[in-house]
Amino acid sequence: MEESTILIAIITLGVGGVVGYLAGRSSATDGSSQKHQIEDLKTEINQYKNSVASHFQQTATMINEMNDSYKSVVQHLAKGSQDLCDAGVAKEIESRLLPKLNASESELNQVESTPAPAGEMVEPPRDYAPKKPDEVGALSENYGVQPASNDKNDPPLESISPPLDAAPKT
C-alpha cells in the first residue's frame, strides 16, 4: 500500500511538471500578443483622437459657412426691400436687419480677438448682505440691540436678577 502511494505521488508530480512546462511556454507567447494588443489599442485611440479633431474642424467650417449664408440672406432681404417696397418701409426693414447683422459681426470679432482674462481677480460670493458705511453690520455687537428706553415701567438693568440656571454656583 505504501508503494502505491509513493507511485501515485511520483506520477502526479510528473504530470504537474509537464502541465506547468506547457503553461509556461504558452504564456511566453502571450507576452507578444499582449504587446500586439497594446499597440492595437494605442492605434485605435490615436484614430479616435484624429476623428474627434476632424469632426470639430468640420463643425467650425460649417458654422462659418452658416454665418456667411446668414449674412447673405440678410443682405438679400435688405436689397429686396429697397427694390420692392416703398422708401419708408424699406428703411424700416433695413433698420431692423442691418443692426443685427452688424451686431453679430462685431460679437464674432470680439469673441475671436478678446483673450480670456488670465489673472483677473474674481470676487467670491458673499454670505452676507452688503451694508452702507453708517449701518450696523450683522457681525456687530450692537446688531439687533435696541437702545434702552426711558420708560418708568421698565426696571433698571441692575435690578434684574439672572435666571437660576445661569447663576454662578458657590
N, C-alpha and C. Protein backbone atom coordinates (compact mmCIF):
# COMPACT_ATOMS: atom_id res chain seq x y z
N MET A 1 0.81 -1.17 0.00
CA MET A 1 0.00 0.00 0.00
C MET A 1 0.87 1.25 0.00
N GLU A 2 1.94 1.19 0.70
CA GLU A 2 2.83 2.30 0.78
C GLU A 2 3.52 2.55 -0.56
N GLU A 3 3.81 1.50 -1.31
CA GLU A 3 4.46 1.66 -2.62
C GLU A 3 3.52 2.30 -3.61
N SER A 4 2.22 1.97 -3.55
CA SER A 4 1.27 2.56 -4.48
C SER A 4 1.08 4.06 -4.19
N THR A 5 1.15 4.45 -2.95
CA THR A 5 1.02 5.87 -2.58
C THR A 5 2.22 6.65 -3.12
N ILE A 6 3.41 6.07 -2.99
CA ILE A 6 4.62 6.73 -3.49
C ILE A 6 4.55 6.82 -5.01
N LEU A 7 4.09 5.75 -5.67
CA LEU A 7 3.97 5.74 -7.13
C LEU A 7 2.97 6.80 -7.60
N ILE A 8 1.85 6.93 -6.91
CA ILE A 8 0.83 7.95 -7.28
C ILE A 8 1.42 9.34 -7.09
N ALA A 9 2.18 9.58 -6.05
CA ALA A 9 2.78 10.89 -5.80
C ALA A 9 3.78 11.24 -6.90
N ILE A 10 4.58 10.26 -7.35
CA ILE A 10 5.58 10.50 -8.40
C ILE A 10 4.88 10.79 -9.73
N ILE A 11 3.83 10.01 -10.05
CA ILE A 11 3.09 10.24 -11.30
C ILE A 11 2.44 11.62 -11.26
N THR A 12 1.85 11.99 -10.13
CA THR A 12 1.21 13.31 -10.01
C THR A 12 2.24 14.42 -10.15
N LEU A 13 3.40 14.24 -9.58
CA LEU A 13 4.47 15.23 -9.69
C LEU A 13 4.90 15.37 -11.15
N GLY A 14 5.03 14.27 -11.87
CA GLY A 14 5.43 14.30 -13.28
C GLY A 14 4.38 14.99 -14.13
N VAL A 15 3.10 14.64 -13.92
CA VAL A 15 2.02 15.27 -14.70
C VAL A 15 1.97 16.76 -14.41
N GLY A 16 2.12 17.15 -13.14
CA GLY A 16 2.12 18.57 -12.78
C GLY A 16 3.27 19.32 -13.41
N GLY A 17 4.45 18.67 -13.48
CA GLY A 17 5.61 19.30 -14.13
C GLY A 17 5.37 19.53 -15.61
N VAL A 18 4.79 18.52 -16.28
CA VAL A 18 4.50 18.66 -17.73
C VAL A 18 3.48 19.76 -17.95
N VAL A 19 2.41 19.78 -17.17
CA VAL A 19 1.38 20.82 -17.32
C VAL A 19 1.98 22.19 -17.05
N GLY A 20 2.81 22.34 -16.02
CA GLY A 20 3.45 23.62 -15.71
C GLY A 20 4.38 24.07 -16.83
N TYR A 21 5.13 23.15 -17.41
CA TYR A 21 6.03 23.47 -18.52
C TYR A 21 5.24 23.98 -19.72
N LEU A 22 4.17 23.27 -20.06
CA LEU A 22 3.34 23.68 -21.20
C LEU A 22 2.65 25.03 -20.94
N ALA A 23 2.19 25.26 -19.73
CA ALA A 23 1.55 26.53 -19.39
C ALA A 23 2.57 27.67 -19.48
N GLY A 24 3.79 27.43 -19.04
CA GLY A 24 4.84 28.45 -19.11
C GLY A 24 5.21 28.80 -20.54
N ARG A 25 5.24 27.83 -21.41
CA ARG A 25 5.54 28.09 -22.82
C ARG A 25 4.44 28.89 -23.49
N SER A 26 3.19 28.58 -23.17
CA SER A 26 2.09 29.29 -23.81
C SER A 26 2.00 30.73 -23.31
N SER A 27 2.37 30.99 -22.04
CA SER A 27 2.32 32.36 -21.52
C SER A 27 3.46 33.19 -22.11
N ALA A 28 4.54 32.57 -22.53
CA ALA A 28 5.63 33.31 -23.16
C ALA A 28 5.17 33.87 -24.50
N THR A 29 4.35 33.13 -25.22
CA THR A 29 3.82 33.64 -26.48
C THR A 29 2.72 34.66 -26.22
N ASP A 30 2.06 34.61 -25.04
CA ASP A 30 1.04 35.60 -24.70
C ASP A 30 1.65 36.98 -24.51
N GLY A 31 2.87 37.09 -24.09
CA GLY A 31 3.55 38.38 -23.92
C GLY A 31 3.61 39.14 -25.22
N SER A 32 3.92 38.47 -26.31
CA SER A 32 3.96 39.15 -27.60
C SER A 32 2.54 39.51 -28.06
N SER A 33 1.57 38.67 -27.72
CA SER A 33 0.20 39.01 -28.11
C SER A 33 -0.32 40.17 -27.28
N GLN A 34 0.11 40.27 -26.02
CA GLN A 34 -0.28 41.41 -25.20
C GLN A 34 0.32 42.70 -25.74
N LYS A 35 1.58 42.63 -26.18
CA LYS A 35 2.22 43.81 -26.78
C LYS A 35 1.47 44.21 -28.05
N HIS A 36 1.07 43.20 -28.80
CA HIS A 36 0.32 43.46 -30.03
C HIS A 36 -1.03 44.12 -29.70
N GLN A 37 -1.70 43.65 -28.65
CA GLN A 37 -2.97 44.24 -28.24
C GLN A 37 -2.79 45.68 -27.77
N ILE A 38 -1.70 45.93 -27.05
CA ILE A 38 -1.42 47.30 -26.59
C ILE A 38 -1.20 48.23 -27.78
N GLU A 39 -0.44 47.77 -28.75
CA GLU A 39 -0.20 48.59 -29.95
C GLU A 39 -1.51 48.84 -30.70
N ASP A 40 -2.35 47.81 -30.79
CA ASP A 40 -3.64 47.98 -31.46
C ASP A 40 -4.51 49.01 -30.73
N LEU A 41 -4.51 48.96 -29.39
CA LEU A 41 -5.29 49.92 -28.62
C LEU A 41 -4.75 51.34 -28.77
N LYS A 42 -3.42 51.49 -28.79
CA LYS A 42 -2.84 52.81 -28.99
C LYS A 42 -3.22 53.36 -30.36
N THR A 43 -3.18 52.50 -31.37
CA THR A 43 -3.56 52.93 -32.71
C THR A 43 -5.02 53.34 -32.75
N GLU A 44 -5.87 52.56 -32.08
CA GLU A 44 -7.30 52.87 -32.05
C GLU A 44 -7.56 54.20 -31.35
N ILE A 45 -6.85 54.47 -30.25
CA ILE A 45 -7.01 55.74 -29.52
C ILE A 45 -6.56 56.90 -30.39
N ASN A 46 -5.44 56.75 -31.08
CA ASN A 46 -4.96 57.83 -31.96
C ASN A 46 -5.95 58.09 -33.09
N GLN A 47 -6.53 57.04 -33.65
CA GLN A 47 -7.53 57.21 -34.70
C GLN A 47 -8.75 57.95 -34.15
N TYR A 48 -9.16 57.61 -32.93
CA TYR A 48 -10.31 58.27 -32.32
C TYR A 48 -10.02 59.75 -32.10
N LYS A 49 -8.82 60.07 -31.59
CA LYS A 49 -8.44 61.47 -31.38
C LYS A 49 -8.45 62.24 -32.69
N ASN A 50 -7.92 61.63 -33.74
CA ASN A 50 -7.92 62.29 -35.04
C ASN A 50 -9.34 62.49 -35.55
N SER A 51 -10.20 61.51 -35.31
CA SER A 51 -11.59 61.61 -35.73
C SER A 51 -12.30 62.75 -35.01
N VAL A 52 -12.06 62.89 -33.71
CA VAL A 52 -12.67 63.97 -32.93
C VAL A 52 -12.17 65.32 -33.42
N ALA A 53 -10.87 65.43 -33.66
CA ALA A 53 -10.29 66.70 -34.12
C ALA A 53 -10.87 67.08 -35.49
N SER A 54 -10.96 66.13 -36.40
CA SER A 54 -11.51 66.44 -37.72
C SER A 54 -12.99 66.79 -37.62
N HIS A 55 -13.72 66.15 -36.70
CA HIS A 55 -15.14 66.47 -36.51
C HIS A 55 -15.30 67.93 -36.10
N PHE A 56 -14.50 68.39 -35.13
CA PHE A 56 -14.63 69.76 -34.66
C PHE A 56 -14.13 70.77 -35.71
N GLN A 57 -13.13 70.39 -36.49
CA GLN A 57 -12.70 71.27 -37.57
C GLN A 57 -13.81 71.42 -38.61
N GLN A 58 -14.44 70.33 -38.96
CA GLN A 58 -15.54 70.37 -39.93
C GLN A 58 -16.71 71.16 -39.37
N THR A 59 -17.01 71.00 -38.07
CA THR A 59 -18.10 71.75 -37.44
C THR A 59 -17.81 73.24 -37.48
N ALA A 60 -16.59 73.64 -37.18
CA ALA A 60 -16.22 75.06 -37.21
C ALA A 60 -16.37 75.61 -38.63
N THR A 61 -15.94 74.85 -39.62
CA THR A 61 -16.09 75.28 -41.02
C THR A 61 -17.55 75.44 -41.38
N MET A 62 -18.37 74.49 -40.98
CA MET A 62 -19.80 74.56 -41.29
C MET A 62 -20.48 75.74 -40.60
N ILE A 63 -20.08 76.05 -39.37
CA ILE A 63 -20.66 77.20 -38.67
C ILE A 63 -20.26 78.49 -39.37
N ASN A 64 -19.01 78.58 -39.81
CA ASN A 64 -18.58 79.77 -40.54
C ASN A 64 -19.37 79.92 -41.84
N GLU A 65 -19.59 78.81 -42.54
CA GLU A 65 -20.39 78.85 -43.77
C GLU A 65 -21.82 79.28 -43.46
N MET A 66 -22.37 78.78 -42.34
CA MET A 66 -23.73 79.15 -41.95
C MET A 66 -23.81 80.65 -41.65
N ASN A 67 -22.81 81.19 -40.97
CA ASN A 67 -22.78 82.63 -40.69
C ASN A 67 -22.71 83.43 -41.99
N ASP A 68 -21.90 82.97 -42.92
CA ASP A 68 -21.82 83.66 -44.21
C ASP A 68 -23.15 83.60 -44.95
N SER A 69 -23.82 82.46 -44.89
CA SER A 69 -25.14 82.33 -45.53
C SER A 69 -26.14 83.26 -44.87
N TYR A 70 -26.09 83.36 -43.56
CA TYR A 70 -26.99 84.26 -42.84
C TYR A 70 -26.76 85.71 -43.29
N LYS A 71 -25.50 86.09 -43.40
CA LYS A 71 -25.19 87.45 -43.84
C LYS A 71 -25.73 87.70 -45.24
N SER A 72 -25.56 86.72 -46.13
CA SER A 72 -26.04 86.92 -47.50
C SER A 72 -27.56 86.98 -47.55
N VAL A 73 -28.26 86.21 -46.70
CA VAL A 73 -29.73 86.27 -46.66
C VAL A 73 -30.19 87.64 -46.17
N VAL A 74 -29.54 88.16 -45.13
CA VAL A 74 -29.92 89.47 -44.60
C VAL A 74 -29.66 90.54 -45.66
N GLN A 75 -28.54 90.46 -46.33
CA GLN A 75 -28.25 91.45 -47.37
C GLN A 75 -29.24 91.32 -48.53
N HIS A 76 -29.62 90.10 -48.87
CA HIS A 76 -30.61 89.89 -49.93
C HIS A 76 -31.96 90.48 -49.53
N LEU A 77 -32.37 90.28 -48.28
CA LEU A 77 -33.64 90.85 -47.82
C LEU A 77 -33.59 92.37 -47.82
N ALA A 78 -32.46 92.93 -47.41
CA ALA A 78 -32.34 94.39 -47.40
C ALA A 78 -32.40 94.94 -48.82
N LYS A 79 -31.71 94.30 -49.75
CA LYS A 79 -31.73 94.74 -51.15
C LYS A 79 -33.12 94.57 -51.74
N GLY A 80 -33.76 93.43 -51.44
CA GLY A 80 -35.11 93.20 -51.94
C GLY A 80 -36.10 94.21 -51.40
N SER A 81 -35.94 94.61 -50.14
CA SER A 81 -36.84 95.61 -49.57
C SER A 81 -36.65 96.96 -50.25
N GLN A 82 -35.41 97.28 -50.66
CA GLN A 82 -35.17 98.53 -51.35
C GLN A 82 -35.81 98.52 -52.74
N ASP A 83 -35.71 97.35 -53.40
CA ASP A 83 -36.22 97.26 -54.77
C ASP A 83 -37.74 97.13 -54.81
N LEU A 84 -38.34 96.44 -53.84
CA LEU A 84 -39.74 96.07 -53.94
C LEU A 84 -40.69 96.87 -53.06
N CYS A 85 -40.18 97.56 -52.06
CA CYS A 85 -41.05 98.28 -51.12
C CYS A 85 -40.89 99.78 -51.28
N ASP A 86 -41.80 100.49 -50.64
CA ASP A 86 -41.70 101.95 -50.59
C ASP A 86 -40.45 102.33 -49.82
N ALA A 87 -40.01 103.55 -50.00
CA ALA A 87 -38.78 104.01 -49.37
C ALA A 87 -38.87 103.96 -47.85
N GLY A 88 -40.01 104.33 -47.27
CA GLY A 88 -40.17 104.34 -45.81
C GLY A 88 -40.15 102.92 -45.24
N VAL A 89 -40.85 102.01 -45.91
CA VAL A 89 -40.88 100.63 -45.46
C VAL A 89 -39.51 99.98 -45.62
N ALA A 90 -38.84 100.29 -46.73
CA ALA A 90 -37.51 99.73 -46.98
C ALA A 90 -36.53 100.19 -45.90
N LYS A 91 -36.59 101.48 -45.54
CA LYS A 91 -35.68 101.98 -44.50
C LYS A 91 -35.99 101.31 -43.15
N GLU A 92 -37.27 101.07 -42.85
CA GLU A 92 -37.64 100.42 -41.60
C GLU A 92 -37.11 98.98 -41.56
N ILE A 93 -37.25 98.28 -42.67
CA ILE A 93 -36.76 96.90 -42.74
C ILE A 93 -35.25 96.86 -42.61
N GLU A 94 -34.58 97.77 -43.30
CA GLU A 94 -33.12 97.82 -43.20
C GLU A 94 -32.68 98.16 -41.78
N SER A 95 -33.41 99.06 -41.12
CA SER A 95 -33.02 99.43 -39.76
C SER A 95 -33.19 98.25 -38.79
N ARG A 96 -34.09 97.33 -39.14
CA ARG A 96 -34.25 96.14 -38.30
C ARG A 96 -33.21 95.07 -38.62
N LEU A 97 -32.86 94.91 -39.89
CA LEU A 97 -31.98 93.82 -40.30
C LEU A 97 -30.50 94.14 -40.14
N LEU A 98 -30.08 95.30 -40.61
CA LEU A 98 -28.66 95.61 -40.64
C LEU A 98 -28.03 95.76 -39.26
N PRO A 99 -28.70 96.34 -38.26
CA PRO A 99 -28.06 96.38 -36.94
C PRO A 99 -27.80 94.98 -36.39
N LYS A 100 -28.71 94.04 -36.63
CA LYS A 100 -28.49 92.68 -36.17
C LYS A 100 -27.29 92.06 -36.87
N LEU A 101 -27.17 92.33 -38.16
CA LEU A 101 -26.04 91.80 -38.91
C LEU A 101 -24.75 92.40 -38.40
N ASN A 102 -24.72 93.73 -38.21
CA ASN A 102 -23.51 94.39 -37.71
C ASN A 102 -23.20 93.95 -36.29
N ALA A 103 -24.23 93.75 -35.48
CA ALA A 103 -24.00 93.31 -34.09
C ALA A 103 -23.42 91.91 -34.06
N SER A 104 -23.95 91.02 -34.91
CA SER A 104 -23.42 89.65 -34.90
C SER A 104 -21.98 89.62 -35.40
N GLU A 105 -21.66 90.48 -36.39
CA GLU A 105 -20.27 90.54 -36.87
C GLU A 105 -19.34 91.06 -35.79
N SER A 106 -19.77 92.10 -35.07
CA SER A 106 -18.90 92.66 -34.03
C SER A 106 -18.75 91.69 -32.87
N GLU A 107 -19.83 90.93 -32.55
CA GLU A 107 -19.72 89.94 -31.48
C GLU A 107 -18.75 88.84 -31.86
N LEU A 108 -18.80 88.39 -33.11
CA LEU A 108 -17.87 87.36 -33.55
C LEU A 108 -16.44 87.86 -33.50
N ASN A 109 -16.22 89.07 -33.98
CA ASN A 109 -14.87 89.64 -33.95
C ASN A 109 -14.38 89.83 -32.52
N GLN A 110 -15.29 90.24 -31.64
CA GLN A 110 -14.89 90.46 -30.25
C GLN A 110 -14.54 89.14 -29.59
N VAL A 111 -15.30 88.08 -29.85
CA VAL A 111 -15.01 86.78 -29.25
C VAL A 111 -13.68 86.24 -29.77
N GLU A 112 -13.42 86.44 -31.05
CA GLU A 112 -12.18 85.93 -31.63
C GLU A 112 -10.97 86.72 -31.16
N SER A 113 -11.11 88.05 -30.99
CA SER A 113 -9.95 88.88 -30.70
C SER A 113 -9.71 89.08 -29.20
N THR A 114 -10.71 88.86 -28.37
CA THR A 114 -10.56 89.11 -26.95
C THR A 114 -10.05 87.85 -26.25
N PRO A 115 -8.85 87.92 -25.69
CA PRO A 115 -8.37 86.75 -24.94
C PRO A 115 -9.07 86.67 -23.59
N ALA A 116 -9.13 85.50 -23.04
CA ALA A 116 -9.74 85.31 -21.73
C ALA A 116 -8.84 85.95 -20.68
N PRO A 117 -9.43 86.64 -19.70
CA PRO A 117 -8.61 87.27 -18.67
C PRO A 117 -7.93 86.20 -17.82
N ALA A 118 -6.59 86.26 -17.79
CA ALA A 118 -5.83 85.22 -17.11
C ALA A 118 -5.70 85.50 -15.62
N GLY A 119 -5.29 86.71 -15.27
CA GLY A 119 -5.02 86.99 -13.87
C GLY A 119 -6.05 87.90 -13.24
N GLU A 120 -7.21 88.02 -13.83
CA GLU A 120 -8.23 88.92 -13.32
C GLU A 120 -8.77 88.41 -11.99
N MET A 121 -8.89 89.32 -11.05
CA MET A 121 -9.40 88.95 -9.73
C MET A 121 -10.91 88.82 -9.80
N VAL A 122 -11.41 87.70 -9.36
CA VAL A 122 -12.84 87.48 -9.31
C VAL A 122 -13.27 87.50 -7.86
N GLU A 123 -14.27 88.31 -7.56
CA GLU A 123 -14.72 88.43 -6.18
C GLU A 123 -15.55 87.22 -5.81
N PRO A 124 -15.24 86.56 -4.70
CA PRO A 124 -16.03 85.40 -4.29
C PRO A 124 -17.42 85.83 -3.83
N PRO A 125 -18.37 84.93 -3.87
CA PRO A 125 -19.71 85.30 -3.41
C PRO A 125 -19.73 85.58 -1.92
N ARG A 126 -20.60 86.45 -1.52
CA ARG A 126 -20.69 86.83 -0.11
C ARG A 126 -21.81 86.04 0.55
N ASP A 127 -21.62 85.73 1.81
CA ASP A 127 -22.67 85.05 2.55
C ASP A 127 -23.39 86.03 3.46
N TYR A 128 -23.29 87.30 3.15
CA TYR A 128 -23.98 88.34 3.91
C TYR A 128 -24.36 89.44 2.93
N ALA A 129 -25.31 90.25 3.35
CA ALA A 129 -25.73 91.36 2.51
C ALA A 129 -24.77 92.53 2.70
N PRO A 130 -24.43 93.23 1.62
CA PRO A 130 -23.55 94.39 1.79
C PRO A 130 -24.29 95.48 2.59
N LYS A 131 -23.53 96.28 3.31
CA LYS A 131 -24.14 97.33 4.14
C LYS A 131 -23.53 98.67 3.77
N LYS A 132 -24.25 99.70 4.14
CA LYS A 132 -23.75 101.05 3.93
C LYS A 132 -22.80 101.38 5.07
N PRO A 133 -21.90 102.34 4.87
CA PRO A 133 -20.90 102.64 5.92
C PRO A 133 -21.52 103.07 7.26
N ASP A 134 -22.68 103.72 7.25
CA ASP A 134 -23.26 104.19 8.51
C ASP A 134 -24.21 103.17 9.15
N GLU A 135 -24.39 102.01 8.55
CA GLU A 135 -25.26 100.97 9.11
C GLU A 135 -24.46 100.03 10.01
N VAL A 136 -25.20 99.35 10.89
CA VAL A 136 -24.58 98.37 11.77
C VAL A 136 -24.61 97.03 11.04
N GLY A 137 -23.49 96.36 10.95
CA GLY A 137 -23.41 95.08 10.26
C GLY A 137 -23.93 93.94 11.12
N ALA A 138 -24.18 92.81 10.48
CA ALA A 138 -24.73 91.65 11.18
C ALA A 138 -23.74 91.07 12.19
N LEU A 139 -22.45 91.31 12.03
CA LEU A 139 -21.46 90.78 12.95
C LEU A 139 -21.11 91.77 14.08
N SER A 140 -21.78 92.91 14.09
CA SER A 140 -21.52 93.91 15.11
C SER A 140 -22.10 93.46 16.45
N GLU A 141 -21.49 93.90 17.55
CA GLU A 141 -22.00 93.57 18.89
C GLU A 141 -23.35 94.22 19.14
N ASN A 142 -23.62 95.33 18.47
CA ASN A 142 -24.86 96.06 18.70
C ASN A 142 -25.96 95.70 17.70
N TYR A 143 -25.75 94.73 16.86
CA TYR A 143 -26.74 94.39 15.84
C TYR A 143 -28.00 93.85 16.50
N GLY A 144 -29.13 94.43 16.21
CA GLY A 144 -30.41 93.97 16.73
C GLY A 144 -30.70 94.42 18.14
N VAL A 145 -29.78 95.13 18.80
CA VAL A 145 -29.99 95.61 20.16
C VAL A 145 -30.64 96.98 20.07
N GLN A 146 -31.78 97.11 20.73
CA GLN A 146 -32.50 98.38 20.74
C GLN A 146 -31.95 99.24 21.88
N PRO A 147 -31.86 100.52 21.68
CA PRO A 147 -31.39 101.37 22.78
C PRO A 147 -32.39 101.32 23.93
N ALA A 148 -31.88 101.47 25.14
CA ALA A 148 -32.73 101.40 26.34
C ALA A 148 -33.71 102.56 26.33
N SER A 149 -34.96 102.24 26.64
CA SER A 149 -35.97 103.29 26.68
C SER A 149 -36.02 103.89 28.08
N ASN A 150 -36.53 105.07 28.16
CA ASN A 150 -36.61 105.76 29.44
C ASN A 150 -37.98 105.59 30.08
N ASP A 151 -38.68 104.49 29.79
CA ASP A 151 -39.99 104.27 30.39
C ASP A 151 -39.81 103.96 31.88
N LYS A 152 -40.75 104.42 32.68
CA LYS A 152 -40.68 104.16 34.11
C LYS A 152 -41.17 102.76 34.43
N ASN A 153 -41.83 102.10 33.49
CA ASN A 153 -42.34 100.75 33.73
C ASN A 153 -41.23 99.71 33.63
N ASP A 154 -40.20 100.02 32.89
CA ASP A 154 -39.10 99.08 32.73
C ASP A 154 -38.19 99.13 33.95
N PRO A 155 -37.84 98.00 34.55
CA PRO A 155 -36.93 98.04 35.69
C PRO A 155 -35.52 98.35 35.21
N PRO A 156 -34.73 98.96 36.04
CA PRO A 156 -33.34 99.23 35.65
C PRO A 156 -32.57 97.92 35.49
N LEU A 157 -31.57 97.96 34.65
CA LEU A 157 -30.82 96.75 34.33
C LEU A 157 -30.14 96.16 35.57
N GLU A 158 -29.75 96.99 36.54
CA GLU A 158 -29.07 96.49 37.71
C GLU A 158 -29.99 95.65 38.59
N SER A 159 -31.30 95.93 38.55
CA SER A 159 -32.21 95.22 39.43
C SER A 159 -32.70 93.90 38.85
N ILE A 160 -32.38 93.61 37.60
CA ILE A 160 -32.81 92.36 37.00
C ILE A 160 -31.87 91.26 37.48
N SER A 161 -32.45 90.20 38.03
CA SER A 161 -31.61 89.10 38.50
C SER A 161 -31.48 88.05 37.41
N PRO A 162 -30.34 87.41 37.31
CA PRO A 162 -30.16 86.39 36.27
C PRO A 162 -31.01 85.16 36.60
N PRO A 163 -31.34 84.34 35.63
CA PRO A 163 -32.09 83.13 35.89
C PRO A 163 -31.29 82.21 36.80
N LEU A 164 -31.98 81.32 37.48
CA LEU A 164 -31.31 80.46 38.44
C LEU A 164 -30.29 79.55 37.77
N ASP A 165 -30.58 79.11 36.56
CA ASP A 165 -29.66 78.21 35.86
C ASP A 165 -28.35 78.90 35.53
N ALA A 166 -28.41 80.22 35.27
CA ALA A 166 -27.22 80.94 34.86
C ALA A 166 -26.46 81.52 36.03
N ALA A 167 -26.99 81.42 37.22
CA ALA A 167 -26.33 81.99 38.38
C ALA A 167 -25.08 81.19 38.72
N PRO A 168 -23.99 81.85 39.08
CA PRO A 168 -22.77 81.13 39.44
C PRO A 168 -22.98 80.31 40.71
N LYS A 169 -22.43 79.15 40.74
CA LYS A 169 -22.55 78.27 41.91
C LYS A 169 -21.40 78.53 42.87
N THR A 170 -21.73 78.62 44.17
CA THR A 170 -20.70 78.90 45.15
C THR A 170 -20.43 77.73 46.04
